[in-house]
Amino acid sequence: MTFQLQPTDPNCAARAGRIETAHGAIETPIFMPVGTAGAVKAVHIHELEREVHAQIILGNTYHLYLRPGMDVLRAAGGLHKFNGWNHPILTDSGGYQVYSLAAQRKIKEEGVTFQSHIDGSKHVFTPERVMDIQREIGADIIMAFDECTPYPCEYGYAKNSMGLTHRWLKRCCDRFDETEGLYGYEQTLFPIVQGSTYPDLRRESAEAIASFDREGNAIGGLSVGEPDEDMYAMTELVCGILPKEKPRYLMGVGTPMNILECIALGIDMFDCVLPTRNARHGLLYTAEGIINIKNLKWRDDHSPIDATSTSYTSRVHSKSYLRHLVSRASTWAA
């Protein structure tokens, strides 16, 4: 992977860039639609390419490991061939999902033992195993295994968790560097900065992550319930430490306003389930603001959803028609 930094904004830390991967280029800043289990919910691959103009999608190691499983993905030749997406893919390591399974997992120095949310079966993720799994998935950009701390989080827990994340990162890098991709192209490993909302921990973590000198870096443990002001403060602090010549990925963010604010702070890559999750419940983001298309007032509104959008659907189909579709979908689901 290579990253070419392009013009920057003289009034803030915003910048443009271009990431080159084995499966194509990514123009940054970029928002990555989340295809947790290899598919973006309710959006076909064709629509991602032609309507959304997505340049990269995100998959999740935890979910793909459980379903369809590594045997299926290996036999297919990796996730790209399995789902037919011939553009870049990034995989989250599963650290966030392990964090969300608080009642079903145990964290130790060696790794994490957890129960499947599907059938209750027990599994173990170590840094080495997570690297092997992501090799088998075949994503262009893979993430180091980390512990995502909750919010609020006591200082002592955040510090110990950060230390564990750093030690796991060393093991991830060792495993990654002693193995090769399985499908004839190179992959890239991103470390993850942690430290909750404590400035000294974030500074220490950013410096430690930068010292590993990987091709890109990520910021985790934010957008987990903390105030936006804290998210912005931690992001600004970390961006001031991570190398400017490498892409910066803020994990799990977020709303249009969060994205714009963090672009101004120097972030290049984002992901979040929010757009597709909200859309399935009738919430739309438009140039005129947020619309709840289920509201009765849109029943007789035959104006386009968003006349300024590059999306065919937004320009051509009316609010009334979309409300009809969403209402029918709700009926079918019931």
Protein backbone atom coordinates (compact mmCIF):
# COMPACT_ATOMS: atom_id res chain seq x y z
CA MET A 1 0.00 0.00 0.00
CA THR A 2 1.15 3.53 -0.74
CA PHE A 3 -0.24 6.90 0.35
CA GLN A 4 0.27 10.11 -1.56
CA LEU A 5 -0.56 13.26 0.35
CA GLN A 6 -2.23 15.88 -1.83
CA PRO A 7 -3.24 19.51 -1.17
CA THR A 8 -4.02 20.47 2.42
CA ASP A 9 -6.36 23.17 3.72
CA PRO A 10 -4.39 26.25 4.84
CA ASN A 11 -7.07 27.08 7.42
CA CYS A 12 -7.14 23.74 9.27
CA ALA A 13 -5.57 20.26 9.28
CA ALA A 14 -7.82 18.87 6.52
CA ARG A 15 -6.01 17.22 3.65
CA ALA A 16 -6.66 15.16 0.54
CA GLY A 17 -4.76 12.02 -0.35
CA ARG A 18 -4.66 8.90 -2.48
CA ILE A 19 -4.16 5.36 -1.17
CA GLU A 20 -3.08 2.73 -3.69
CA THR A 21 -3.88 -0.90 -2.89
CA ALA A 22 -3.77 -4.17 -4.81
CA HIS A 23 -7.49 -3.78 -5.57
CA GLY A 24 -7.44 -0.14 -6.64
CA ALA A 25 -7.14 3.43 -5.45
CA ILE A 26 -8.93 5.19 -2.59
CA GLU A 27 -9.30 8.97 -2.69
CA THR A 28 -9.27 10.43 0.80
CA PRO A 29 -10.99 11.67 2.89
CA ILE A 30 -13.13 8.54 2.51
CA PHE A 31 -16.16 7.08 4.26
CA MET A 32 -16.23 3.28 4.19
CA PRO A 33 -19.65 1.58 4.14
CA VAL A 34 -19.73 -1.24 6.68
CA GLY A 35 -20.30 -4.71 5.26
CA THR A 36 -19.96 -6.51 8.59
CA ALA A 37 -20.40 -10.05 7.29
CA GLY A 38 -19.18 -9.37 3.76
CA ALA A 39 -22.23 -7.47 2.53
CA VAL A 40 -23.56 -3.96 3.22
CA LYS A 41 -27.07 -4.56 4.54
CA ALA A 42 -29.84 -3.72 2.06
CA VAL A 43 -27.35 -2.42 -0.54
CA HIS A 44 -26.35 -4.59 -3.50
CA ILE A 45 -22.74 -4.69 -4.72
CA HIS A 46 -23.90 -3.11 -8.00
CA GLU A 47 -25.51 -0.22 -6.09
CA LEU A 48 -22.37 0.28 -4.01
CA GLU A 49 -20.37 0.71 -7.21
CA ARG A 50 -22.83 2.64 -9.40
CA GLU A 51 -25.01 4.55 -6.93
CA VAL A 52 -23.00 4.99 -3.75
CA HIS A 53 -19.68 5.22 -5.64
CA ALA A 54 -17.99 3.41 -2.76
CA GLN A 55 -14.25 2.95 -3.19
CA ILE A 56 -13.73 0.60 -0.24
CA ILE A 57 -15.93 -1.40 2.12
CA LEU A 58 -15.31 -2.76 5.59
CA GLY A 59 -15.77 -6.33 6.82
CA ASN A 60 -15.48 -7.70 10.34
CA THR A 61 -13.17 -10.49 11.38
CA TYR A 62 -15.37 -11.71 14.24
CA HIS A 63 -18.51 -12.05 12.13
CA LEU A 64 -16.79 -13.48 9.05
CA TYR A 65 -14.92 -15.99 11.21
CA LEU A 66 -18.23 -17.28 12.61
CA ARG A 67 -20.17 -17.04 9.33
CA PRO A 68 -19.50 -18.10 6.62
CA GLY A 69 -16.29 -19.36 8.26
CA MET A 70 -12.69 -19.59 7.15
CA ASP A 71 -13.11 -22.84 5.24
CA VAL A 72 -15.68 -21.23 2.95
CA LEU A 73 -13.61 -18.07 2.39
CA ARG A 74 -10.40 -20.01 1.70
CA ALA A 75 -12.18 -22.20 -0.81
CA ALA A 76 -13.58 -19.12 -2.54
CA GLY A 77 -10.14 -17.49 -2.76
CA GLY A 78 -10.82 -14.78 -0.18
CA LEU A 79 -13.59 -12.30 0.52
CA HIS A 80 -13.16 -10.37 -2.75
CA LYS A 81 -14.01 -13.42 -4.81
CA PHE A 82 -16.64 -14.63 -2.35
CA ASN A 83 -18.76 -11.46 -2.50
CA GLY A 84 -17.76 -10.17 -5.95
CA TRP A 85 -16.39 -6.84 -4.69
CA ASN A 86 -13.31 -6.11 -6.81
CA HIS A 87 -12.23 -2.99 -4.95
CA PRO A 88 -10.33 -2.48 -1.68
CA ILE A 89 -11.57 -4.08 1.54
CA LEU A 90 -10.58 -3.26 5.13
CA THR A 91 -11.22 -5.69 7.98
CA ASP A 92 -11.72 -4.71 11.61
CA SER A 93 -9.90 -7.16 13.88
CA GLY A 94 -12.95 -8.06 15.95
CA GLY A 95 -11.70 -6.15 19.00
CA TYR A 96 -14.81 -3.97 19.11
CA GLN A 97 -17.12 -7.00 18.91
CA VAL A 98 -15.21 -8.66 21.74
CA TYR A 99 -15.68 -5.42 23.71
CA SER A 100 -19.41 -5.56 23.07
CA LEU A 101 -19.61 -9.17 24.35
CA ALA A 102 -18.74 -8.11 27.90
CA ALA A 103 -20.84 -10.84 29.52
CA GLN A 104 -19.56 -13.56 27.19
CA ARG A 105 -15.79 -13.09 27.10
CA LYS A 106 -12.66 -13.25 29.23
CA ILE A 107 -9.60 -11.13 28.46
CA LYS A 108 -6.14 -12.40 29.39
CA GLU A 109 -2.59 -11.64 28.31
CA GLU A 110 -2.68 -14.50 25.83
CA GLY A 111 -5.88 -13.33 24.17
CA VAL A 112 -9.64 -13.42 24.49
CA THR A 113 -11.93 -16.38 25.08
CA PHE A 114 -15.50 -15.67 23.99
CA GLN A 115 -18.80 -17.32 23.24
CA SER A 116 -20.40 -17.06 19.82
CA HIS A 117 -23.52 -14.90 19.79
CA ILE A 118 -24.92 -17.42 17.27
CA ASP A 119 -24.76 -20.75 19.09
CA GLY A 120 -22.85 -20.16 22.32
CA SER A 121 -19.78 -22.12 21.17
CA LYS A 122 -16.43 -21.09 22.70
CA HIS A 123 -13.59 -19.59 20.68
CA VAL A 124 -10.20 -18.01 21.34
CA PHE A 125 -8.78 -14.94 19.60
CA THR A 126 -5.08 -14.25 20.10
CA PRO A 127 -3.15 -11.56 18.23
CA GLU A 128 -1.52 -14.29 16.14
CA ARG A 129 -4.79 -16.02 15.34
CA VAL A 130 -6.45 -12.75 14.35
CA MET A 131 -3.60 -12.05 11.91
CA ASP A 132 -4.01 -15.53 10.42
CA ILE A 133 -7.78 -15.08 10.08
CA GLN A 134 -7.37 -11.75 8.31
CA ARG A 135 -4.82 -13.33 5.99
CA GLU A 136 -7.49 -15.90 5.14
CA ILE A 137 -10.16 -13.24 4.62
CA GLY A 138 -7.75 -11.46 2.29
CA ALA A 139 -8.56 -7.81 3.02
CA ASP A 140 -6.23 -5.18 1.59
CA ILE A 141 -5.98 -3.37 4.94
CA ILE A 142 -6.18 -5.34 8.18
CA MET A 143 -6.33 -4.10 11.76
CA ALA A 144 -4.26 -5.06 14.78
CA PHE A 145 -6.04 -6.88 17.60
CA ASP A 146 -6.79 -4.45 20.43
CA GLU A 147 -9.03 -3.97 23.44
CA CYS A 148 -11.61 -1.23 23.03
CA THR A 149 -12.32 0.35 26.41
CA PRO A 150 -15.86 1.46 27.33
CA TYR A 151 -16.95 4.96 28.27
CA PRO A 152 -16.79 5.98 31.03
CA CYS A 153 -13.64 4.11 31.95
CA GLU A 154 -11.52 4.42 35.09
CA TYR A 155 -8.00 5.70 34.52
CA GLY A 156 -6.32 2.57 35.87
CA TYR A 157 -8.33 0.26 33.63
CA ALA A 158 -7.68 2.47 30.58
CA LYS A 159 -3.93 2.48 31.27
CA ASN A 160 -3.71 -1.29 31.74
CA SER A 161 -5.85 -1.90 28.66
CA MET A 162 -3.66 0.41 26.59
CA GLY A 163 -0.55 -1.49 27.69
CA LEU A 164 -2.20 -4.76 26.70
CA THR A 165 -3.11 -3.33 23.30
CA HIS A 166 0.51 -2.29 22.75
CA ARG A 167 1.85 -5.72 23.72
CA TRP A 168 -0.72 -7.38 21.46
CA LEU A 169 0.37 -5.05 18.65
CA LYS A 170 3.96 -6.30 18.92
CA ARG A 171 2.69 -9.86 18.55
CA CYS A 172 0.44 -8.85 15.63
CA CYS A 173 3.36 -7.23 13.82
CA ASP A 174 5.63 -10.22 14.43
CA ARG A 175 3.02 -12.63 13.07
CA PHE A 176 2.13 -10.42 10.14
CA ASP A 177 5.77 -9.94 9.15
CA GLU A 178 6.59 -13.66 9.28
CA THR A 179 3.63 -14.63 7.07
CA GLU A 180 2.49 -13.75 3.55
CA GLY A 181 -0.82 -13.12 1.85
CA LEU A 182 -2.60 -16.22 0.58
CA TYR A 183 -4.04 -14.92 -2.67
CA GLY A 184 -1.14 -13.39 -4.56
CA TYR A 185 -1.27 -9.78 -3.39
CA GLU A 186 0.08 -7.78 -0.46
CA GLN A 187 -1.85 -6.74 2.62
CA THR A 188 -1.23 -3.84 4.99
CA LEU A 189 -1.47 -3.79 8.81
CA PHE A 190 -2.73 -0.72 10.73
CA PRO A 191 -2.06 -0.39 14.50
CA ILE A 192 -4.74 1.22 16.71
CA VAL A 193 -4.30 4.07 19.22
CA GLN A 194 -6.21 3.61 22.50
CA GLY A 195 -6.26 5.46 25.84
CA SER A 196 -9.93 6.36 26.40
CA THR A 197 -10.46 10.12 26.95
CA TYR A 198 -7.27 10.66 29.00
CA PRO A 199 -4.89 13.03 27.17
CA ASP A 200 -1.71 11.59 28.69
CA LEU A 201 -2.71 8.04 27.74
CA ARG A 202 -3.71 9.06 24.23
CA ARG A 203 -0.38 10.84 23.82
CA GLU A 204 1.55 7.82 25.09
CA SER A 205 -0.40 5.45 22.87
CA ALA A 206 -0.04 7.61 19.75
CA GLU A 207 3.72 7.81 20.27
CA ALA A 208 3.95 4.04 20.79
CA ILE A 209 1.85 3.26 17.72
CA ALA A 210 3.85 5.71 15.57
CA SER A 211 7.08 3.99 16.65
CA PHE A 212 5.98 0.76 14.91
CA ASP A 213 6.28 2.64 11.59
CA ARG A 214 3.49 0.82 9.74
CA GLU A 215 1.98 2.13 6.48
CA GLY A 216 -1.06 3.64 8.21
CA ASN A 217 -2.54 4.17 11.67
CA ALA A 218 -5.97 4.00 13.29
CA ILE A 219 -7.62 5.66 16.27
CA GLY A 220 -9.96 3.43 18.27
CA GLY A 221 -11.96 3.68 21.47
CA LEU A 222 -13.86 6.82 20.46
CA SER A 223 -17.50 7.26 19.47
CA VAL A 224 -18.41 4.83 22.28
CA GLY A 225 -20.62 7.23 24.22
CA GLU A 226 -18.27 10.08 25.14
CA PRO A 227 -19.30 13.71 24.42
CA ASP A 228 -18.39 14.96 20.94
CA GLU A 229 -16.10 17.54 22.50
CA ASP A 230 -13.99 14.77 24.04
CA MET A 231 -13.90 12.88 20.74
CA TYR A 232 -12.66 15.97 18.93
CA ALA A 233 -10.08 16.79 21.62
CA MET A 234 -8.60 13.28 21.58
CA THR A 235 -8.63 13.17 17.77
CA GLU A 236 -6.84 16.51 17.50
CA LEU A 237 -4.23 15.46 20.07
CA VAL A 238 -3.52 12.14 18.34
CA CYS A 239 -3.40 13.65 14.83
CA GLY A 240 -0.74 16.03 16.10
CA ILE A 241 1.46 13.03 16.94
CA LEU A 242 0.79 10.44 14.22
CA PRO A 243 2.97 10.97 11.12
CA LYS A 244 1.46 13.29 8.53
CA GLU A 245 2.71 11.22 5.59
CA LYS A 246 0.56 8.21 6.55
CA PRO A 247 -3.23 7.79 6.43
CA ARG A 248 -5.19 8.17 9.67
CA TYR A 249 -8.32 6.12 10.23
CA LEU A 250 -10.86 7.12 12.91
CA MET A 251 -12.82 3.98 13.69
CA GLY A 252 -16.60 3.94 14.12
CA VAL A 253 -17.32 7.58 13.22
CA GLY A 254 -20.02 8.55 12.43
CA THR A 255 -22.54 11.27 11.81
CA PRO A 256 -22.09 13.79 8.96
CA MET A 257 -21.15 16.49 11.48
CA ASN A 258 -18.64 14.22 13.26
CA ILE A 259 -17.03 13.36 9.93
CA LEU A 260 -16.71 16.98 8.80
CA GLU A 261 -15.27 18.08 12.14
CA CYS A 262 -12.72 15.24 12.17
CA ILE A 263 -11.70 15.82 8.54
CA ALA A 264 -10.79 19.33 9.67
CA LEU A 265 -8.63 17.78 12.40
CA GLY A 266 -6.65 15.67 9.91
CA ILE A 267 -8.52 12.34 9.64
CA ASP A 268 -8.49 10.54 6.28
CA MET A 269 -10.70 7.45 6.75
CA PHE A 270 -14.00 6.77 8.51
CA ASP A 271 -16.49 3.93 8.93
CA CYS A 272 -19.83 3.56 10.69
CA VAL A 273 -22.96 1.41 10.50
CA LEU A 274 -25.09 4.52 11.10
CA PRO A 275 -26.08 5.42 7.50
CA THR A 276 -27.32 1.97 6.51
CA ARG A 277 -28.80 1.20 9.94
CA ASN A 278 -30.72 4.46 10.03
CA ALA A 279 -31.83 4.06 6.41
CA ARG A 280 -33.41 0.70 7.21
CA HIS A 281 -35.48 2.51 9.82
CA GLY A 282 -36.51 5.30 7.47
CA LEU A 283 -34.01 7.98 8.48
CA LEU A 284 -32.36 9.75 5.53
CA TYR A 285 -29.48 12.23 5.35
CA THR A 286 -30.07 14.85 2.67
CA ALA A 287 -28.59 18.20 1.69
CA GLU A 288 -31.57 19.82 3.39
CA GLY A 289 -31.13 17.92 6.64
CA ILE A 290 -32.39 14.68 8.17
CA ILE A 291 -35.72 13.22 7.03
CA ASN A 292 -37.76 10.53 8.76
CA ILE A 293 -39.45 9.18 5.66
CA LYS A 294 -42.00 7.25 7.75
CA ASN A 295 -43.69 10.48 8.84
CA LEU A 296 -47.19 10.99 7.48
CA LYS A 297 -46.33 14.41 6.03
CA TRP A 298 -44.33 12.77 3.23
CA ARG A 299 -47.27 10.67 2.00
CA ASP A 300 -48.37 13.25 -0.58
CA ASP A 301 -44.99 14.90 -1.20
CA HIS A 302 -44.03 14.05 -4.79
CA SER A 303 -40.82 16.08 -4.85
CA PRO A 304 -37.49 14.22 -5.19
CA ILE A 305 -35.72 13.04 -2.08
CA ASP A 306 -32.66 15.17 -2.86
CA ALA A 307 -32.54 16.98 -6.21
CA THR A 308 -28.85 17.89 -5.72
CA SER A 309 -27.68 14.31 -5.06
CA THR A 310 -25.52 12.32 -7.48
CA SER A 311 -27.67 9.28 -6.66
CA TYR A 312 -30.22 8.32 -9.30
CA THR A 313 -32.64 7.15 -6.63
CA SER A 314 -32.47 10.43 -4.72
CA ARG A 315 -32.97 12.56 -7.84
CA VAL A 316 -35.72 10.52 -9.49
CA HIS A 317 -37.85 8.93 -6.79
CA SER A 318 -40.20 11.03 -4.70
CA LYS A 319 -40.55 11.20 -0.93
CA SER A 320 -44.05 9.80 -1.31
CA TYR A 321 -42.83 6.77 -3.24
CA LEU A 322 -39.99 6.05 -0.85
CA ARG A 323 -42.34 6.33 2.13
CA HIS A 324 -44.57 3.78 0.39
CA LEU A 325 -41.63 1.37 -0.07
CA VAL A 326 -40.41 1.72 3.51
CA SER A 327 -43.94 1.25 4.87
CA ARG A 328 -44.42 -1.88 2.76
CA ALA A 329 -41.02 -3.23 3.83
CA SER A 330 -42.04 -2.81 7.48
CA THR A 331 -45.21 -4.74 6.80
CA TRP A 332 -43.32 -7.56 5.08
CA ALA A 333 -40.81 -7.78 7.91
CA ALA A 334 -43.63 -8.08 10.44
